[in-house]
Every structure is written in structure tokens, then in C-alpha cells.
Protein backbone atom coordinates (compact mmCIF):
# COMPACT_ATOMS: atom_id res chain seq x y z
CA MET A 1 8.33 -4.72 4.92
CA VAL A 2 9.82 -2.21 2.55
CA VAL A 3 7.58 0.25 0.70
CA SER A 4 8.87 1.84 -2.53
CA PHE A 5 7.10 4.39 -4.75
CA GLU A 6 6.30 4.29 -8.54
CA THR A 7 6.96 8.02 -9.02
CA THR A 8 9.03 10.68 -7.30
CA ALA A 9 5.75 12.59 -7.01
CA LEU A 10 4.29 9.77 -4.81
CA ARG A 11 7.47 9.55 -2.83
CA ALA A 12 7.35 13.31 -2.11
CA LEU A 13 3.71 13.18 -1.24
CA CYS A 14 4.32 10.44 1.38
CA ALA A 15 7.59 11.91 2.64
CA SER A 16 6.06 14.33 5.07
CA LEU A 17 2.78 14.98 6.79
CA GLU A 18 2.81 18.49 5.53
CA SER A 19 3.04 17.51 1.93
CA ALA A 20 0.22 14.82 2.31
CA GLU A 21 -2.01 17.35 4.13
CA ARG A 22 -1.62 19.95 1.29
CA GLU A 23 -2.56 17.38 -1.28
CA LEU A 24 -5.26 15.19 0.56
CA GLY A 25 -6.33 17.04 3.64
CA ALA A 26 -5.42 16.52 7.25
CA ALA A 27 -7.40 13.44 8.05
CA GLU A 28 -6.66 11.52 4.82
CA ALA A 29 -2.99 12.40 5.06
CA ARG A 30 -2.87 10.86 8.59
CA VAL A 31 -4.40 7.76 7.48
CA LEU A 32 -2.06 7.41 4.54
CA LEU A 33 1.06 7.88 6.60
CA THR A 34 -0.19 5.60 9.35
CA THR A 35 -1.06 2.93 6.90
CA LEU A 36 2.56 3.22 5.38
CA SER A 37 3.94 3.01 8.78
CA ASP A 38 1.89 -0.07 9.58
CA ILE A 39 3.06 -1.84 6.44
CA GLU A 40 6.70 -1.11 7.13
CA ALA A 41 6.32 -2.40 10.76
CA LEU A 42 5.15 -5.80 9.52
CA ASP A 43 7.09 -8.69 8.06
CA THR A 44 4.87 -9.67 5.19
CA ALA A 45 2.06 -8.43 3.02
CA ASN A 46 -0.14 -11.19 4.29
CA GLU A 47 0.23 -9.86 7.91
CA PHE A 48 -0.83 -6.37 6.46
CA LEU A 49 -3.95 -7.97 4.71
CA GLU A 50 -4.94 -9.60 8.13
CA LEU A 51 -4.35 -6.32 9.99
CA ALA A 52 -6.28 -4.24 7.57
CA ALA A 53 -8.98 -6.72 6.72
CA ASP A 54 -11.72 -4.15 6.65
CA ASP A 55 -9.73 -1.64 4.58
CA ALA A 56 -7.63 -3.85 2.26
CA ARG A 57 -8.32 -6.39 -0.45
CA VAL A 58 -6.44 -8.24 -3.04
CA LEU A 59 -7.32 -7.19 -6.63
CA SER A 60 -7.52 -9.75 -9.50
CA CYS A 61 -4.56 -8.00 -11.05
CA ASN A 62 -2.39 -9.17 -7.91
CA ALA A 63 -2.25 -5.83 -6.45
CA ILE A 64 -3.59 -4.83 -2.92
CA GLU A 65 -6.11 -1.97 -2.77
CA VAL A 66 -6.29 -0.13 0.51
CA THR A 67 -8.96 2.38 1.48
CA MET A 68 -7.32 5.53 2.62
CA GLY A 69 -10.01 7.47 4.47
CA ARG A 70 -13.38 8.58 2.79
CA GLU A 71 -12.01 9.73 -0.58
CA HIS A 72 -8.94 7.94 -1.63
CA ARG A 73 -7.44 4.37 -2.23
CA ALA A 74 -3.93 3.22 -2.63
CA ILE A 75 -2.71 0.54 -4.97
CA LEU A 76 0.33 -1.50 -3.93
CA VAL A 77 2.00 -4.28 -5.91
CA PRO A 78 4.64 -6.80 -4.89
CA VAL A 79 8.06 -6.22 -6.22
CA GLY A 80 11.33 -8.19 -6.33
CA VAL A 81 11.98 -11.66 -7.19
CA ARG A 82 12.18 -13.16 -3.65
CA TYR A 83 8.54 -13.98 -3.19
CA ARG A 84 7.01 -17.18 -4.20
CA LYS A 85 4.09 -17.53 -6.53
CA GLN A 86 1.09 -19.85 -6.23
CA SER A 87 0.20 -22.40 -8.88
CA ASP A 88 -2.18 -19.74 -10.43
CA GLY A 89 0.67 -17.29 -10.71
CA SER A 90 -0.69 -15.03 -7.97
CA PRO A 91 1.67 -13.98 -5.19
CA ASP A 92 1.99 -16.03 -2.07
CA TRP A 93 1.35 -12.94 0.26
CA SER A 94 2.98 -14.58 3.19
CA THR A 95 6.30 -14.37 1.25
CA VAL A 96 5.97 -10.87 -0.04
CA ARG A 97 8.31 -8.40 1.86
CA TYR A 98 8.49 -5.55 -0.71
CA LEU A 99 5.60 -3.39 -1.88
CA LYS A 100 5.53 -0.62 -4.29
CA LEU A 101 2.76 2.16 -4.02
CA THR A 102 1.76 2.64 -7.67
CA ALA A 103 -1.18 4.90 -7.29
CA LEU A 104 -3.16 6.96 -4.90
CA ALA A 105 -6.46 7.71 -6.40
CA PRO A 106 -9.93 8.81 -5.64
CA HIS A 107 -12.38 6.07 -4.91
CA PRO A 108 -14.23 5.08 -8.19
């Protein structure tokens, strides 16, 4: 899969371990970069949801929320037009190959 970023700030944060460590701390930075690497190594969002079953869930807004360590969560949305939608309008996650990281936020 391909991961893009909502903002240049998110892209810069995820561009290097050092940047992520400064912002998030060492442990959470490692989790973030490992998770992004896992996503990029897989073919579809459904494969990621299966791999990260304990840490990822689909939200009602058709986004994926992923727990990033103890304090943060990432929100990813499908992008592009090449994925199928189910009859209710939700993504067929087995056809989603592009995700955009829209937010990295503290747990509510």
C-alpha cells in the first residue's frame, strides 16, 4: 500500500525517527514508524486490519483508527478512486491500496 499525509507537518514528523522521537518520545515514535512500514508492506487495507486486529478499528466515518503506543492514535482514510464501495457506501477494505494519514492525536 501507499501512505500519504494530510499535511507537510505530518509528513515531516513521519520522515525520520529523530523527528518522531522529538515530538512523541522514543517508544511511541518506534510504534508509529513500524506501523507505517507494516502498512506499506501490505497490499490492502484489509490485510492491515487483520494484522493489527488488536490495535486498529474501522470508525463509522469510514476511517481506520490505529492505537500508537499508550498515548496516541492515528487516523487513516482511503484515498483515490480505484477502490470499490459496498452497498452502504463504506469502503471495501480489500480493494483499498492507498491510505492518507489525516491525524496523529492523543487518545481521547
